[in-house]
Amino acid sequence: MASYICAEYRNMPKILLIAYYWPPSGGGGVLRWLKFTRYLPELGIDTTVYTPENGVFPGYDAELINEVNSNITVVKFPIWEPHRLF
């Protein structure tokens, strides 16, 4: 049975979404990708989101974190933010 599951997973389409704006950031740019990725796992698409851990955002909406599909892998990595110089 395990080999069947592994073979099925290998054949799943995969998407890597690289997004600067991701919850807890707020705004229209966040909602676009958040709502788009909500349905991908239901369609059988393995979804990974790559986003900065320490980005500077114009607005925060911590409640958006609750809307992230639990079947999505979110990878956060610290970046050097040039906006911090201003």
Protein backbone atom coordinates (compact mmCIF):
# COMPACT_ATOMS: atom_id res chain seq x y z
CA MET A 1 0.00 0.00 0.00
CA ALA A 2 2.81 2.44 0.85
CA SER A 3 4.40 2.07 -2.59
CA TYR A 4 1.04 2.93 -4.16
CA ILE A 5 0.84 6.15 -2.13
CA CYS A 6 4.42 7.10 -3.01
CA ALA A 7 3.81 6.45 -6.71
CA GLU A 8 0.63 8.53 -6.54
CA TYR A 9 2.49 11.40 -4.85
CA ARG A 10 5.27 11.31 -7.45
CA ASN A 11 2.70 11.75 -10.20
CA MET A 12 1.00 14.74 -8.53
CA PRO A 13 1.55 18.04 -10.33
CA LYS A 14 3.59 20.42 -8.20
CA ILE A 15 3.59 24.21 -7.97
CA LEU A 16 6.15 26.47 -6.33
CA LEU A 17 4.68 29.92 -5.71
CA ILE A 18 7.21 32.63 -4.84
CA ALA A 19 5.33 35.45 -3.16
CA TYR A 20 6.65 38.45 -1.26
CA TYR A 21 3.22 39.21 0.20
CA TRP A 22 1.81 36.32 2.22
CA PRO A 23 -0.06 36.25 5.55
CA PRO A 24 0.27 37.91 8.03
CA SER A 25 0.79 40.65 5.46
CA GLY A 26 -2.48 42.29 4.41
CA GLY A 27 -3.82 43.82 1.23
CA GLY A 28 -5.05 42.88 -2.23
CA GLY A 29 -1.80 41.26 -3.33
CA VAL A 30 -2.01 38.80 -0.45
CA LEU A 31 -5.63 37.89 -1.03
CA ARG A 32 -5.05 37.09 -4.70
CA TRP A 33 -2.48 34.37 -3.95
CA LEU A 34 -4.15 33.18 -0.76
CA LYS A 35 -7.48 32.52 -2.50
CA PHE A 36 -5.73 30.98 -5.52
CA THR A 37 -3.76 28.49 -3.43
CA ARG A 38 -6.76 27.55 -1.28
CA TYR A 39 -8.17 25.23 -3.94
CA LEU A 40 -5.00 23.75 -5.46
CA PRO A 41 -4.65 20.82 -2.99
CA GLU A 42 -8.30 19.90 -3.61
CA LEU A 43 -7.43 19.64 -7.31
CA GLY A 44 -4.58 17.24 -6.53
CA ILE A 45 -1.79 19.78 -6.91
CA ASP A 46 1.06 19.70 -4.39
CA THR A 47 1.60 23.36 -3.49
CA THR A 48 4.62 25.01 -1.88
CA VAL A 49 4.77 28.75 -1.13
CA TYR A 50 8.17 30.42 -0.70
CA THR A 51 7.97 33.78 1.10
CA PRO A 52 10.26 36.03 3.17
CA GLU A 53 10.24 35.63 6.92
CA ASN A 54 11.12 39.23 7.73
CA GLY A 55 9.57 41.29 4.94
CA VAL A 56 8.37 44.87 5.37
CA PHE A 57 4.66 45.12 4.65
CA PRO A 58 2.39 48.16 4.40
CA GLY A 59 -0.34 46.39 6.36
CA TYR A 60 -0.82 43.37 8.60
CA ASP A 61 -3.84 41.11 8.95
CA ALA A 62 -3.04 38.28 11.36
CA GLU A 63 -6.45 36.67 10.79
CA LEU A 64 -5.43 35.75 7.22
CA ILE A 65 -3.10 33.08 8.65
CA ASN A 66 -6.22 31.08 9.57
CA GLU A 67 -7.26 31.00 5.90
CA VAL A 68 -4.09 29.28 4.66
CA ASN A 69 -4.92 25.73 3.54
CA SER A 70 -3.27 23.25 5.93
CA ASN A 71 -2.24 21.06 2.96
CA ILE A 72 0.05 23.79 1.60
CA THR A 73 3.74 23.82 2.51
CA VAL A 74 4.88 27.34 3.41
CA VAL A 75 8.64 27.91 3.42
CA LYS A 76 9.83 31.14 5.03
CA PHE A 77 13.41 32.33 4.76
CA PRO A 78 14.99 35.51 6.16
CA ILE A 79 16.00 38.04 3.52
CA TRP A 80 18.04 41.21 3.46
CA GLU A 81 15.41 43.92 3.11
CA PRO A 82 16.73 47.04 1.32
CA HIS A 83 13.59 48.98 2.36
CA ARG A 84 14.87 48.97 5.96
CA LEU A 85 17.56 51.47 4.92
CA PHE A 86 14.89 54.12 4.39
